[in-house]
Structure formats: C-alpha cells, structure tokens
Amino acid sequence: MIKRISIGLLIMALSTSCVSKKIYTDLENKFTDLKKENRTLQDDNAALLKDKNQLELDQSALKTDLEKVKEERDKWLAENSALKNKMDVLQESYKALEKNSNEALQANMSKNRDLLAQLDAKAKALAIEQERLNKSSQRLKEMEDLIAAKEATMKKLKETLSNALNSFEGKGLTVEQKNGKVYVSMENKLLFNSGSWSVGPEGKKAVVELGKVLGDNPDISVLIEGHTDDDPYGGSGPISDNWDLSTKRATAIVAILSENKAINKKNLTAAGRGEFSPLASNATPEGKAKNRRIEIILTPRLDEIAEMLNEIN
C-alpha cells in the first residue's frame, strides 16, 4: 500500500514537470522510513508473543517443580521412619547380647556395634536432610500461600472489573477469569468504526473505567491484543494489512490507559494478532463480529514465586 502511494506521488510529480529533485528524494526517504517502521513493529510484536509464551511455560514449570519437591520430602520421611525402626530392633538385640559372655556372643555384639555406628551415622545424615526438607516444606507452604493469594487477588480483580464495567456488558464487552488470569474482551462495535483505529466516545468511557481499576492494582501486568476478522484490509494511508490495523488499535487502547497517571506504564504491552487468533469461525457475520475485538489480558506478577523456587532448588 505504502509503495503504491509513493509511486502514485512520483507519477504525479513527473506529470506536472514542475517538481524538484528534492521533493522526489523526500518522497523516497519517507517510503523507506515507513518500511523500516513496519518491520520494527513486526519484530516488537514477535518478541512480545515470545515473552507471553515463555511466561506461561515458566508458570507450568513452577507447578511441576512443586510436586517433585513434595514427592522427595515424603520419600525421605518414609526412609527415616524405616531406619529408626531398624535401629530400635538392633538396640534391643544388642542389650540382650550384652547379657551373655561367651566369645560367639561377643563377636555378634561387636558386629552389632559396628552396624549401630553405621546406622547412627546415617541417621545423623538423615536428620540433616530432614532439616533441609523441613525448610523446603516451609518455603513450599509460603509459595502455595502466595499463589493462593494471587489467585484470590485475580478473583477480586475480576469482580471489581465486572462491577466497574457492568454498564457496558451486553454492548460487546465481557469479563472472565481463567488460567490464573483475567480477560477483558471488547468487540469493535464498542470501540472502532470499520477500518479505523480511532476509539469512539462510548468505547473510550469503557477503557477509562478499566484504567481506574488498573490504577488501583499497580502490580498487574497488562497485555492489550488487537484482533481482526479475515477480511483483507481495504483502507488507505499508513496501514497495509490486518496485522498493522490490529497493532494500531491495541496501541490506541494503550494511549488511553496511559492518560491515567496511577497506571505503571512499564506494565502495559500492546500487540497485534491480526486475523490469526479467532474466537469463532469467519464463515458467518456473527463469527466475524466476535473476532473483531480487543483482548486485555491481566496477569499477576510471578517474580516472588520464581525467587522462592530458586531458594528451594
């Protein structure tokens, strides 16, 4: 699209025969800058998607490691109990053998003493390991409590958002909680006109209300994803395709949220998904309408959980 515009301007310039070489050079430079900006946006979008996927993988790995540490703790507890029982039996046998004075009994007593010494050494080692496992168990409990607290926070956040955005539900806005995250979905009929990335008055009210809740929750990471249906973009200007349009729309939502000074801008991320993550089939008008949307994904910070896991390991 950008190339066609630039060629058109060049033809116009040549046809009028009164355009200077400087204007022609400026047009070429603008075209080059637009291509660079487009590539940069695509690279940034790919990096954001990669970070999102990595975060989900890290969260899954944390849960798996929790289960492994619990299994190891239970194994050590069982082994320690079994060794204690063996030691009790051997001590009773030793006491009985000491009552006898013949050489055979003395030899057996010596062997038992050696065995007791070995068991005592192993028991001490197990005691040290038990202490380590107790500390790990405590950290696990703290981690589980922290995860539960974050889940409770996300549940409360979902309820707060539902109350704040209640007047917009039924107008293409939904709020739901799943996978430890809160998803706010806004269909384009609430936010944008066809082919536009300018947010309408009603849509801006919804985004502002959302921003008020986010301002009260500064530790929440916010990913704003733009989505389109599979109809090719037919507009003109700096947008070349649906991917560009979805990115532009996501950035427009970030701009509105950024007006709220209580929101930490470091927690905001904009991403364009184009038509490549549909909610419904694009074979019907209803499906296309559901796919044209903004998804706002709210995720709790996992830094503390990662630090605890490093301490356990």
Protein backbone atom coordinates (compact mmCIF):
# COMPACT_ATOMS: atom_id res chain seq x y z
CA MET A 1 0.00 0.00 0.00
CA ILE A 2 2.80 2.40 1.01
CA LYS A 3 4.66 1.56 -2.19
CA ARG A 4 1.58 2.25 -4.37
CA ILE A 5 1.09 5.62 -2.67
CA SER A 6 4.73 6.56 -3.21
CA ILE A 7 4.63 5.51 -6.89
CA GLY A 8 1.42 7.49 -7.35
CA LEU A 9 3.01 10.57 -5.87
CA LEU A 10 6.06 10.08 -8.08
CA ILE A 11 3.89 9.84 -11.22
CA MET A 12 2.05 12.98 -10.22
CA ALA A 13 5.34 14.73 -9.64
CA LEU A 14 6.68 13.72 -13.06
CA SER A 15 3.43 14.55 -14.86
CA THR A 16 3.36 18.12 -13.56
CA SER A 17 7.02 18.57 -14.69
CA CYS A 18 7.42 21.30 -12.06
CA VAL A 19 8.52 19.16 -9.09
CA SER A 20 12.10 19.48 -7.94
CA LYS A 21 14.51 16.60 -7.37
CA LYS A 22 14.44 17.44 -3.65
CA ILE A 23 10.72 16.62 -3.40
CA TYR A 24 11.27 13.34 -5.23
CA THR A 25 14.11 12.45 -2.85
CA ASP A 26 11.96 13.33 0.19
CA LEU A 27 9.21 11.01 -1.06
CA GLU A 28 11.68 8.17 -1.48
CA ASN A 29 13.07 8.74 2.03
CA LYS A 30 9.58 8.74 3.56
CA PHE A 31 8.78 5.49 1.82
CA THR A 32 11.99 3.92 3.19
CA ASP A 33 11.20 5.15 6.74
CA LEU A 34 7.70 3.68 6.58
CA LYS A 35 9.06 0.28 5.58
CA LYS A 36 11.55 0.36 8.46
CA GLU A 37 8.82 1.29 10.93
CA ASN A 38 6.64 -1.57 9.68
CA ARG A 39 9.46 -4.09 10.14
CA THR A 40 10.19 -2.74 13.63
CA LEU A 41 6.54 -3.15 14.66
CA GLN A 42 6.52 -6.73 13.38
CA ASP A 43 9.73 -7.55 15.29
CA ASP A 44 8.36 -5.99 18.50
CA ASN A 45 5.13 -7.95 18.17
CA ALA A 46 7.02 -11.24 17.72
CA ALA A 47 9.14 -10.52 20.82
CA LEU A 48 6.03 -9.78 22.91
CA LEU A 49 4.39 -13.03 21.84
CA LYS A 50 7.55 -14.93 22.70
CA ASP A 51 7.65 -13.35 26.20
CA LYS A 52 3.98 -14.23 26.78
CA ASN A 53 4.53 -17.88 25.81
CA GLN A 54 7.66 -18.07 27.98
CA LEU A 55 5.73 -16.73 30.98
CA GLU A 56 3.08 -19.41 30.58
CA LEU A 57 5.81 -22.11 30.29
CA ASP A 58 7.55 -20.77 33.44
CA GLN A 59 4.29 -20.90 35.41
CA SER A 60 3.68 -24.53 34.34
CA ALA A 61 7.28 -25.46 35.27
CA LEU A 62 6.84 -23.94 38.74
CA LYS A 63 3.83 -26.15 39.46
CA THR A 64 5.69 -29.26 38.23
CA ASP A 65 8.71 -28.49 40.45
CA LEU A 66 6.40 -28.04 43.46
CA GLU A 67 5.05 -31.57 43.04
CA LYS A 68 8.56 -33.04 42.64
CA VAL A 69 9.82 -31.44 45.88
CA LYS A 70 6.76 -32.76 47.76
CA GLU A 71 7.41 -36.30 46.50
CA GLU A 72 11.08 -36.10 47.53
CA ARG A 73 10.12 -34.90 51.02
CA ASP A 74 7.65 -37.78 51.52
CA LYS A 75 10.27 -40.30 50.34
CA TRP A 76 12.85 -39.07 52.90
CA LEU A 77 10.28 -39.13 55.71
CA ALA A 78 9.38 -42.77 54.94
CA GLU A 79 13.05 -43.84 54.78
CA ASN A 80 13.87 -42.07 58.04
CA SER A 81 10.97 -43.83 59.81
CA ALA A 82 12.08 -47.26 58.49
CA LEU A 83 15.68 -46.71 59.66
CA LYS A 84 14.50 -45.65 63.10
CA ASN A 85 12.53 -48.89 63.43
CA LYS A 86 15.59 -50.92 62.41
CA MET A 87 17.73 -49.09 64.96
CA ASP A 88 15.23 -49.80 67.74
CA VAL A 89 15.29 -53.53 66.89
CA LEU A 90 19.10 -53.64 66.82
CA GLN A 91 19.37 -51.80 70.13
CA GLU A 92 17.09 -54.33 71.78
CA SER A 93 19.16 -57.17 70.27
CA TYR A 94 22.37 -55.53 71.49
CA LYS A 95 21.07 -55.28 75.03
CA ALA A 96 20.17 -58.96 75.01
CA LEU A 97 23.56 -59.97 73.65
CA GLU A 98 25.41 -57.99 76.32
CA LYS A 99 23.98 -60.31 78.98
CA ASN A 100 25.97 -63.21 77.54
CA SER A 101 29.75 -63.52 78.00
CA ASN A 102 30.80 -66.18 75.55
CA GLU A 103 33.05 -65.39 72.60
CA ALA A 104 30.36 -66.00 69.98
CA LEU A 105 28.06 -63.52 71.63
CA GLN A 106 30.91 -61.01 71.98
CA ALA A 107 31.63 -61.33 68.26
CA ASN A 108 27.99 -60.74 67.46
CA MET A 109 27.95 -57.76 69.80
CA SER A 110 30.95 -56.28 68.00
CA LYS A 111 29.22 -56.67 64.67
CA ASN A 112 26.09 -55.10 66.07
CA ARG A 113 28.08 -52.19 67.45
CA ASP A 114 29.56 -51.58 64.01
CA LEU A 115 26.13 -51.76 62.46
CA LEU A 116 24.72 -49.42 65.08
CA ALA A 117 27.57 -46.98 64.40
CA GLN A 118 26.81 -47.09 60.70
CA LEU A 119 23.12 -46.61 61.31
CA ASP A 120 23.83 -43.78 63.72
CA ALA A 121 25.94 -42.02 61.12
CA LYS A 122 23.22 -42.48 58.52
CA ALA A 123 20.59 -41.31 60.99
CA LYS A 124 22.57 -38.12 61.57
CA ALA A 125 22.84 -37.59 57.83
CA LEU A 126 19.12 -38.17 57.53
CA ALA A 127 18.48 -35.71 60.35
CA ILE A 128 20.44 -33.07 58.44
CA GLU A 129 18.50 -33.88 55.27
CA GLN A 130 15.26 -33.81 57.27
CA GLU A 131 16.08 -30.32 58.47
CA ARG A 132 16.72 -29.24 54.89
CA LEU A 133 13.43 -30.78 53.78
CA ASN A 134 11.60 -29.07 56.63
CA LYS A 135 12.94 -25.74 55.46
CA SER A 136 11.96 -26.59 51.89
CA SER A 137 8.50 -27.60 53.07
CA GLN A 138 8.14 -24.28 54.81
CA ARG A 139 9.14 -22.43 51.66
CA LEU A 140 6.70 -24.59 49.70
CA LYS A 141 3.94 -23.65 52.11
CA GLU A 142 4.83 -19.99 51.73
CA MET A 143 4.84 -20.40 47.94
CA GLU A 144 1.46 -22.13 47.96
CA ASP A 145 0.06 -19.37 50.17
CA LEU A 146 1.45 -16.75 47.80
CA ILE A 147 -0.06 -18.50 44.77
CA ALA A 148 -3.40 -18.74 46.58
CA ALA A 149 -3.20 -15.06 47.49
CA LYS A 150 -2.51 -14.12 43.87
CA GLU A 151 -5.45 -16.25 42.71
CA ALA A 152 -7.66 -14.53 45.29
CA THR A 153 -6.39 -11.15 44.10
CA MET A 154 -7.24 -12.02 40.49
CA LYS A 155 -10.71 -13.20 41.55
CA LYS A 156 -11.31 -9.93 43.38
CA LEU A 157 -9.94 -8.01 40.39
CA LYS A 158 -12.37 -9.82 38.09
CA GLU A 159 -15.30 -8.95 40.39
CA THR A 160 -14.18 -5.32 40.62
CA LEU A 161 -13.88 -5.07 36.83
CA SER A 162 -17.29 -6.69 36.31
CA ASN A 163 -18.86 -4.12 38.64
CA ALA A 164 -16.97 -1.18 37.08
CA LEU A 165 -17.82 -2.23 33.51
CA ASN A 166 -21.31 -3.54 34.22
CA SER A 167 -22.98 -0.81 32.15
CA PHE A 168 -21.01 -1.90 29.06
CA GLU A 169 -21.74 -5.64 29.27
CA GLY A 170 -24.20 -6.51 26.53
CA LYS A 171 -22.57 -3.91 24.31
CA GLY A 172 -19.76 -6.20 23.19
CA LEU A 173 -17.78 -6.28 26.48
CA THR A 174 -17.14 -9.40 28.60
CA VAL A 175 -15.01 -10.10 31.69
CA GLU A 176 -13.86 -13.62 32.64
CA GLN A 177 -11.20 -15.34 34.75
CA LYS A 178 -9.29 -18.43 33.56
CA ASN A 179 -5.82 -19.95 33.89
CA GLY A 180 -4.97 -17.57 36.74
CA LYS A 181 -5.59 -14.52 34.53
CA VAL A 182 -8.43 -12.08 33.92
CA TYR A 183 -9.57 -11.43 30.34
CA VAL A 184 -11.48 -8.30 29.32
CA SER A 185 -12.80 -8.60 25.75
CA MET A 186 -14.22 -5.61 23.86
CA GLU A 187 -15.75 -6.10 20.43
CA ASN A 188 -15.01 -3.50 17.77
CA LYS A 189 -18.62 -2.35 17.69
CA LEU A 190 -17.95 -0.78 21.10
CA LEU A 191 -14.57 0.71 20.19
CA PHE A 192 -13.90 1.35 16.49
CA ASN A 193 -15.57 2.08 13.19
CA SER A 194 -14.72 -0.27 10.32
CA GLY A 195 -11.11 0.13 9.18
CA SER A 196 -10.43 2.76 11.88
CA TRP A 197 -8.18 2.74 14.93
CA SER A 198 -9.75 5.84 16.49
CA VAL A 199 -11.65 4.90 19.67
CA GLY A 200 -15.25 6.18 19.80
CA PRO A 201 -16.73 8.06 22.80
CA GLU A 202 -18.56 5.07 24.29
CA GLY A 203 -15.54 2.81 23.90
CA LYS A 204 -13.27 5.41 25.49
CA LYS A 205 -15.57 5.54 28.53
CA ALA A 206 -15.17 1.78 28.94
CA VAL A 207 -11.36 1.96 28.63
CA VAL A 208 -11.20 4.85 31.14
CA GLU A 209 -13.26 2.84 33.67
CA LEU A 210 -10.94 -0.11 33.14
CA GLY A 211 -7.97 2.20 33.70
CA LYS A 212 -9.36 3.32 37.08
CA VAL A 213 -9.35 -0.29 38.30
CA LEU A 214 -5.83 -0.90 36.92
CA GLY A 215 -4.61 2.23 38.68
CA ASP A 216 -5.64 0.63 41.99
CA ASN A 217 -3.73 -2.57 41.09
CA PRO A 218 -0.19 -1.43 40.13
CA ASP A 219 1.35 -4.93 40.30
CA ILE A 220 -0.78 -6.36 37.49
CA SER A 221 0.82 -6.88 34.05
CA VAL A 222 -1.48 -5.75 31.22
CA LEU A 223 -1.28 -7.16 27.68
CA ILE A 224 -3.51 -5.44 25.10
CA GLU A 225 -4.06 -7.56 21.97
CA GLY A 226 -5.74 -6.31 18.79
CA HIS A 227 -7.66 -8.85 16.66
CA THR A 228 -9.43 -8.66 13.29
CA ASP A 229 -11.55 -10.95 11.12
CA ASP A 230 -10.09 -12.43 7.93
CA ASP A 231 -11.46 -9.79 5.55
CA PRO A 232 -8.47 -8.09 3.86
CA TYR A 233 -7.87 -4.52 4.94
CA GLY A 234 -9.15 -2.22 2.20
CA GLY A 235 -8.31 1.21 3.55
CA SER A 236 -5.54 3.58 2.63
CA GLY A 237 -2.87 5.50 4.48
CA PRO A 238 -0.13 4.09 6.71
CA ILE A 239 -1.92 0.75 7.28
CA SER A 240 -1.02 -2.08 4.90
CA ASP A 241 -2.92 -5.08 6.29
CA ASN A 242 -4.96 -6.50 9.18
CA TRP A 243 -1.85 -7.06 11.26
CA ASP A 244 -0.95 -3.40 11.05
CA LEU A 245 -4.54 -2.43 11.85
CA SER A 246 -4.74 -4.72 14.91
CA THR A 247 -1.44 -3.34 16.24
CA LYS A 248 -2.61 0.24 15.71
CA ARG A 249 -5.84 -0.47 17.59
CA ALA A 250 -4.00 -2.08 20.51
CA THR A 251 -1.71 0.94 20.69
CA ALA A 252 -4.73 3.25 20.71
CA ILE A 253 -6.03 1.49 23.85
CA VAL A 254 -2.60 1.79 25.50
CA ALA A 255 -2.64 5.53 24.75
CA ILE A 256 -5.95 5.96 26.60
CA LEU A 257 -4.79 3.88 29.58
CA SER A 258 -1.55 5.88 29.71
CA GLU A 259 -3.55 9.04 30.41
CA ASN A 260 -4.23 7.59 33.88
CA LYS A 261 -1.20 8.67 35.96
CA ALA A 262 -1.83 5.92 38.53
CA ILE A 263 -1.05 3.18 35.98
CA ASN A 264 2.56 1.99 35.80
CA LYS A 265 3.42 2.32 32.09
CA LYS A 266 6.04 -0.45 32.44
CA ASN A 267 3.19 -2.92 32.97
CA LEU A 268 1.49 -2.09 29.63
CA THR A 269 2.18 -4.06 26.46
CA ALA A 270 0.47 -3.67 23.07
CA ALA A 271 0.38 -6.47 20.49
CA GLY A 272 -1.34 -7.04 17.15
CA ARG A 273 -2.58 -10.54 16.32
CA GLY A 274 -4.36 -9.73 13.06
CA GLU A 275 -6.80 -12.44 11.98
CA PHE A 276 -4.63 -15.27 13.32
CA SER A 277 -6.29 -15.87 16.72
CA PRO A 278 -10.05 -16.00 16.04
CA LEU A 279 -12.68 -16.78 18.68
CA ALA A 280 -15.22 -18.04 16.16
CA SER A 281 -15.48 -19.08 12.54
CA ASN A 282 -15.16 -16.28 9.99
CA ALA A 283 -17.74 -18.03 7.82
CA THR A 284 -20.64 -16.05 9.32
CA PRO A 285 -21.19 -12.32 10.04
CA GLU A 286 -21.70 -13.16 13.72
CA GLY A 287 -18.39 -15.01 13.88
CA LYS A 288 -16.56 -12.16 12.18
CA ALA A 289 -18.06 -9.70 14.68
CA LYS A 290 -16.74 -11.78 17.62
CA ASN A 291 -13.27 -11.95 16.05
CA ARG A 292 -13.01 -8.17 15.61
CA ARG A 293 -12.03 -7.29 19.16
CA ILE A 294 -9.54 -6.03 21.71
CA GLU A 295 -8.39 -8.57 24.32
CA ILE A 296 -6.98 -7.11 27.55
CA ILE A 297 -5.17 -9.86 29.49
CA LEU A 298 -4.35 -9.14 33.15
CA THR A 299 -1.62 -11.30 34.74
CA PRO A 300 -0.25 -11.25 38.31
CA ARG A 301 3.50 -10.73 38.73
CA LEU A 302 5.35 -14.02 39.37
CA ASP A 303 8.73 -12.61 40.48
CA GLU A 304 8.30 -13.61 44.15
CA ILE A 305 7.29 -17.17 43.24
CA ALA A 306 10.33 -17.56 40.97
CA GLU A 307 12.65 -16.33 43.76
CA MET A 308 11.15 -18.83 46.22
CA LEU A 309 11.62 -21.66 43.75
CA ASN A 310 15.30 -20.72 43.32
CA GLU A 311 15.76 -20.83 47.10
CA ILE A 312 14.19 -24.33 47.27
CA ASN A 313 16.41 -25.62 44.47
